[in-house]
C-alpha atoms as a PDB file:
ATOM      1  CA  UNK A   1       3.011  97.853 -38.783  1.00  0.00           C
ATOM      2  CA  UNK A   2       1.798 100.112 -36.251  1.00  0.00           C
ATOM      3  CA  UNK A   3      -1.985  99.815 -37.626  1.00  0.00           C
ATOM      4  CA  UNK A   4      -1.659  96.205 -37.892  1.00  0.00           C
ATOM      5  CA  UNK A   5      -0.634  96.141 -34.223  1.00  0.00           C
ATOM      6  CA  UNK A   6      -3.309  98.745 -32.873  1.00  0.00           C
ATOM      7  CA  UNK A   7      -5.016  95.981 -30.944  1.00  0.00           C
ATOM      8  CA  UNK A   8      -2.243  95.694 -28.647  1.00  0.00           C
ATOM      9  CA  UNK A   9      -1.212  99.216 -27.883  1.00  0.00           C
ATOM     10  CA  UNK A  10       2.100  98.361 -26.109  1.00  0.00           C
ATOM     11  CA  UNK A  11       3.048  96.677 -29.389  1.00  0.00           C
ATOM     12  CA  UNK A  12       1.962  99.410 -31.508  1.00  0.00           C
ATOM     13  CA  UNK A  13       3.935 102.009 -29.364  1.00  0.00           C
ATOM     14  CA  UNK A  14       6.978 100.077 -29.370  1.00  0.00           C
ATOM     15  CA  UNK A  15       6.691  99.674 -33.236  1.00  0.00           C
ATOM     16  CA  UNK A  16       5.910 103.377 -33.785  1.00  0.00           C
ATOM     17  CA  UNK A  17       9.423 104.088 -32.436  1.00  0.00           C
ATOM     18  CA  UNK A  18      11.180 102.384 -35.233  1.00  0.00           C
ATOM     19  CA  UNK A  19      12.282 105.038 -37.722  1.00  0.00           C
ATOM     20  CA  UNK A  20      12.519 104.018 -41.579  1.00  0.00           C
ATOM     21  CA  UNK A  21      14.691 105.680 -44.378  1.00  0.00           C
ATOM     22  CA  UNK A  22      13.814 105.207 -47.946  1.00  0.00           C
ATOM     23  CA  UNK A  23      15.793 103.538 -50.577  1.00  0.00           C
ATOM     24  CA  UNK A  24      15.706 103.957 -54.435  1.00  0.00           C
ATOM     25  CA  UNK A  25      16.408 100.826 -56.324  1.00  0.00           C
ATOM     26  CA  UNK A  26      17.250 100.553 -60.208  1.00  0.00           C
ATOM     27  CA  UNK A  27      17.386  97.420 -62.083  1.00  0.00           C
ATOM     28  CA  UNK A  28      19.097  97.599 -65.561  1.00  0.00           C
ATOM     29  CA  UNK A  29      19.224  94.484 -67.766  1.00  0.00           C
ATOM     30  CA  UNK A  30      22.110  94.755 -70.517  1.00  0.00           C
ATOM     31  CA  UNK A  31      22.129  92.519 -73.681  1.00  0.00           C
ATOM     32  CA  UNK A  32      25.962  91.426 -72.941  1.00  0.00           C
ATOM     33  CA  UNK A  33      27.759  90.947 -70.027  1.00  0.00           C
ATOM     34  CA  UNK A  34      29.521  94.178 -68.557  1.00  0.00           C
ATOM     35  CA  UNK A  35      33.265  94.015 -68.277  1.00  0.00           C
ATOM     36  CA  UNK A  36      33.071  94.757 -64.472  1.00  0.00           C
ATOM     37  CA  UNK A  37      35.620  92.796 -62.280  1.00  0.00           C
ATOM     38  CA  UNK A  38      33.120  92.533 -59.570  1.00  0.00           C
ATOM     39  CA  UNK A  39      29.671  90.908 -58.895  1.00  0.00           C
ATOM     40  CA  UNK A  40      28.575  93.043 -56.131  1.00  0.00           C
ATOM     41  CA  UNK A  41      30.052  96.114 -54.283  1.00  0.00           C
ATOM     42  CA  UNK A  42      29.428  98.438 -51.368  1.00  0.00           C
ATOM     43  CA  UNK A  43      29.943 102.023 -52.858  1.00  0.00           C
ATOM     44  CA  UNK A  44      31.245 104.936 -50.797  1.00  0.00           C
ATOM     45  CA  UNK A  45      31.067 108.786 -51.431  1.00  0.00           C
ATOM     46  CA  UNK A  46      28.360 108.379 -54.019  1.00  0.00           C
ATOM     47  CA  UNK A  47      24.707 108.454 -54.440  1.00  0.00           C
ATOM     48  CA  UNK A  48      24.959 104.505 -54.634  1.00  0.00           C
ATOM     49  CA  UNK A  49      25.404 102.482 -51.574  1.00  0.00           C
ATOM     50  CA  UNK A  50      25.412  99.001 -53.087  1.00  0.00           C
ATOM     51  CA  UNK A  51      25.399  97.568 -56.729  1.00  0.00           C
ATOM     52  CA  UNK A  52      24.989  93.794 -57.514  1.00  0.00           C
ATOM     53  CA  UNK A  53      25.045  91.576 -60.651  1.00  0.00           C
ATOM     54  CA  UNK A  54      21.766  90.065 -60.122  1.00  0.00           C
ATOM     55  CA  UNK A  55      22.542  87.448 -63.046  1.00  0.00           C
ATOM     56  CA  UNK A  56      25.502  86.051 -61.312  1.00  0.00           C
ATOM     57  CA  UNK A  57      23.359  84.462 -58.662  1.00  0.00           C
ATOM     58  CA  UNK A  58      22.756  80.660 -59.028  1.00  0.00           C
ATOM     59  CA  UNK A  59      19.877  79.707 -61.209  1.00  0.00           C
ATOM     60  CA  UNK A  60      19.495  83.039 -62.579  1.00  0.00           C
ATOM     61  CA  UNK A  61      18.823  83.525 -66.327  1.00  0.00           C
ATOM     62  CA  UNK A  62      21.856  84.482 -68.213  1.00  0.00           C
ATOM     63  CA  UNK A  63      20.193  85.943 -71.020  1.00  0.00           C
ATOM     64  CA  UNK A  64      20.963  89.464 -69.768  1.00  0.00           C
ATOM     65  CA  UNK A  65      23.296  90.724 -67.642  1.00  0.00           C
ATOM     66  CA  UNK A  66      21.180  92.400 -64.710  1.00  0.00           C
ATOM     67  CA  UNK A  67      22.381  94.806 -62.305  1.00  0.00           C
ATOM     68  CA  UNK A  68      20.483  96.056 -59.175  1.00  0.00           C
ATOM     69  CA  UNK A  69      21.438  99.587 -57.950  1.00  0.00           C
ATOM     70  CA  UNK A  70      20.746 100.760 -54.601  1.00  0.00           C
ATOM     71  CA  UNK A  71      20.981 104.537 -53.834  1.00  0.00           C
ATOM     72  CA  UNK A  72      22.034 105.427 -50.398  1.00  0.00           C
ATOM     73  CA  UNK A  73      19.760 106.255 -47.648  1.00  0.00           C
ATOM     74  CA  UNK A  74      20.707 110.101 -47.694  1.00  0.00           C
ATOM     75  CA  UNK A  75      20.424 110.474 -51.096  1.00  0.00           C
ATOM     76  CA  UNK A  76      17.076 108.504 -51.292  1.00  0.00           C
ATOM     77  CA  UNK A  77      15.774 110.853 -48.654  1.00  0.00           C
ATOM     78  CA  UNK A  78      17.017 113.914 -50.403  1.00  0.00           C
ATOM     79  CA  UNK A  79      15.451 112.547 -53.733  1.00  0.00           C
ATOM     80  CA  UNK A  80      12.208 110.695 -52.332  1.00  0.00           C
ATOM     81  CA  UNK A  81       9.958 112.481 -54.381  1.00  0.00           C
ATOM     82  CA  UNK A  82      12.249 112.643 -57.700  1.00  0.00           C
ATOM     83  CA  UNK A  83      10.708 111.363 -61.050  1.00  0.00           C
ATOM     84  CA  UNK A  84      11.395 107.696 -61.887  1.00  0.00           C
ATOM     85  CA  UNK A  85      13.105 109.012 -65.072  1.00  0.00           C
ATOM     86  CA  UNK A  86      15.458 111.346 -63.236  1.00  0.00           C
ATOM     87  CA  UNK A  87      16.251 108.638 -60.849  1.00  0.00           C
ATOM     88  CA  UNK A  88      17.005 106.093 -63.374  1.00  0.00           C
ATOM     89  CA  UNK A  89      19.447 108.487 -65.426  1.00  0.00           C
ATOM     90  CA  UNK A  90      21.336 109.574 -62.191  1.00  0.00           C
ATOM     91  CA  UNK A  91      21.807 106.150 -60.707  1.00  0.00           C
ATOM     92  CA  UNK A  92      22.957 104.602 -63.934  1.00  0.00           C
ATOM     93  CA  UNK A  93      25.415 107.476 -64.542  1.00  0.00           C
ATOM     94  CA  UNK A  94      26.662 106.946 -60.975  1.00  0.00           C
ATOM     95  CA  UNK A  95      27.018 103.259 -61.866  1.00  0.00           C
ATOM     96  CA  UNK A  96      29.086 103.895 -64.655  1.00  0.00           C
ATOM     97  CA  UNK A  97      31.264 106.406 -62.610  1.00  0.00           C
ATOM     98  CA  UNK A  98      31.532 103.391 -60.032  1.00  0.00           C
ATOM     99  CA  UNK A  99      32.414 100.766 -62.562  1.00  0.00           C
ATOM    100  CA  UNK A 100      34.755 103.009 -64.667  1.00  0.00           C
ATOM    101  CA  UNK A 101      32.933 101.177 -67.561  1.00  0.00           C
ATOM    102  CA  UNK A 102      31.827 102.907 -70.785  1.00  0.00           C
ATOM    103  CA  UNK A 103      27.948 103.832 -70.651  1.00  0.00           C
ATOM    104  CA  UNK A 104      25.815 101.270 -72.543  1.00  0.00           C
ATOM    105  CA  UNK A 105      22.209 101.833 -73.028  1.00  0.00           C
ATOM    106  CA  UNK A 106      20.409  99.059 -71.107  1.00  0.00           C
ATOM    107  CA  UNK A 107      17.793  97.024 -72.809  1.00  0.00           C
ATOM    108  CA  UNK A 108      15.538  97.289 -69.795  1.00  0.00           C
ATOM    109  CA  UNK A 109      15.708  99.714 -66.898  1.00  0.00           C
ATOM    110  CA  UNK A 110      13.230 100.097 -64.155  1.00  0.00           C
ATOM    111  CA  UNK A 111      13.327 102.229 -60.799  1.00  0.00           C
ATOM    112  CA  UNK A 112      11.360 101.759 -57.469  1.00  0.00           C
ATOM    113  CA  UNK A 113      11.341 103.816 -54.430  1.00  0.00           C
ATOM    114  CA  UNK A 114      11.012 101.766 -51.100  1.00  0.00           C
ATOM    115  CA  UNK A 115       9.610 104.611 -48.903  1.00  0.00           C
ATOM    116  CA  UNK A 116      10.225 102.573 -45.700  1.00  0.00           C
ATOM    117  CA  UNK A 117      13.400 100.516 -46.607  1.00  0.00           C
ATOM    118  CA  UNK A 118      16.056 100.976 -44.036  1.00  0.00           C
ATOM    119  CA  UNK A 119      15.518 101.015 -40.022  1.00  0.00           C
ATOM    120  CA  UNK A 120      17.308 103.413 -38.479  1.00  0.00           C
ATOM    121  CA  UNK A 121      16.890 102.358 -35.023  1.00  0.00           C
ATOM    122  CA  UNK A 122      15.801  98.502 -35.285  1.00  0.00           C
ATOM    123  CA  UNK A 123      14.350  96.866 -31.989  1.00  0.00           C
ATOM    124  CA  UNK A 124      16.748  95.514 -29.414  1.00  0.00           C
ATOM    125  CA  UNK A 125      15.032  92.175 -29.103  1.00  0.00           C
ATOM    126  CA  UNK A 126      14.873  91.703 -32.666  1.00  0.00           C
ATOM    127  CA  UNK A 127      11.006  91.066 -32.530  1.00  0.00           C
ATOM    128  CA  UNK A 128       7.839  92.131 -30.719  1.00  0.00           C
ATOM    129  CA  UNK A 129       5.631  89.705 -28.694  1.00  0.00           C
ATOM    130  CA  UNK A 130       2.841  90.106 -26.602  1.00  0.00           C
ATOM    131  CA  UNK A 131       2.372  86.924 -24.376  1.00  0.00           C
ATOM    132  CA  UNK A 132      -1.149  87.744 -23.350  1.00  0.00           C
ATOM    133  CA  UNK A 133      -2.458  88.036 -26.753  1.00  0.00           C
ATOM    134  CA  UNK A 134       0.073  85.748 -28.287  1.00  0.00           C
ATOM    135  CA  UNK A 135       0.566  88.304 -30.867  1.00  0.00           C
ATOM    136  CA  UNK A 136       3.869  88.821 -32.291  1.00  0.00           C
ATOM    137  CA  UNK A 137       5.591  90.924 -35.164  1.00  0.00           C
ATOM    138  CA  UNK A 138       8.980  90.558 -36.899  1.00  0.00           C
ATOM    139  CA  UNK A 139      10.715  91.638 -40.255  1.00  0.00           C
ATOM    140  CA  UNK A 140      13.973  93.675 -40.915  1.00  0.00           C
ATOM    141  CA  UNK A 141      12.359  96.721 -39.490  1.00  0.00           C
ATOM    142  CA  UNK A 142      12.910  94.899 -36.150  1.00  0.00           C
ATOM    143  CA  UNK A 143      16.351  93.519 -36.482  1.00  0.00           C
ATOM    144  CA  UNK A 144      18.164  95.409 -39.205  1.00  0.00           C
ATOM    145  CA  UNK A 145      18.232  95.832 -42.969  1.00  0.00           C
ATOM    146  CA  UNK A 146      18.170  93.398 -45.850  1.00  0.00           C
ATOM    147  CA  UNK A 147      17.144  89.575 -45.929  1.00  0.00           C
ATOM    148  CA  UNK A 148      19.595  88.853 -42.974  1.00  0.00           C
ATOM    149  CA  UNK A 149      17.619  91.412 -40.506  1.00  0.00           C
ATOM    150  CA  UNK A 150      14.422  89.649 -41.462  1.00  0.00           C
ATOM    151  CA  UNK A 151      15.885  86.016 -41.171  1.00  0.00           C
ATOM    152  CA  UNK A 152      17.150  86.999 -37.549  1.00  0.00           C
ATOM    153  CA  UNK A 153      13.940  88.666 -36.545  1.00  0.00           C
ATOM    154  CA  UNK A 154      11.802  85.656 -37.582  1.00  0.00           C
ATOM    155  CA  UNK A 155      14.137  83.529 -35.555  1.00  0.00           C
ATOM    156  CA  UNK A 156      13.898  85.876 -32.624  1.00  0.00           C
ATOM    157  CA  UNK A 157      10.003  85.698 -32.797  1.00  0.00           C
ATOM    158  CA  UNK A 158       9.880  81.999 -32.994  1.00  0.00           C
ATOM    159  CA  UNK A 159      12.217  81.690 -30.122  1.00  0.00           C
ATOM    160  CA  UNK A 160       9.798  83.925 -28.177  1.00  0.00           C
ATOM    161  CA  UNK A 161       6.900  81.723 -29.038  1.00  0.00           C
ATOM    162  CA  UNK A 162       8.563  78.371 -28.207  1.00  0.00           C
ATOM    163  CA  UNK A 163       9.652  79.984 -24.910  1.00  0.00           C
ATOM    164  CA  UNK A 164       6.178  81.129 -24.200  1.00  0.00           C
ATOM    165  CA  UNK A 165       4.528  77.847 -24.751  1.00  0.00           C
ATOM    166  CA  UNK A 166       6.980  74.934 -23.830  1.00  0.00           C
ATOM    167  CA  UNK A 167       5.168  74.183 -20.678  1.00  0.00           C
END
């Protein structure tokens, strides 16, 4: 985001202050429904921070039982350069530890490293806006992690634009 804002140094400077932490994510699809008694959970004292049964969401395919596993920011930071296979193996093992379930080989398993995933210190205003240029920036990095942060940041940016041009 800093490079995108270089034409307005004040915004680039503010954006450069937002530090981001990484997050490893694993998606595992199983041929049959796992016996977990929950569809989503925050996980504590583990390399995992969040697990969710993605196939439980409305209008999702039920052909496989799909789970998304997010590693904690600290674990992801410590393993940011780990190999994909190592991450898949370790986070799946932690998933079985978390659910207390019997290890079942997934039909499909993928891992992805989000190098810039979690804002450590999001912006106080929730967005950036430069009235003279009319340039604004928003996103989860401005307001907080997850889609809620992105939505709130977009709302803040829209509010700033509306206030600027309401005359």
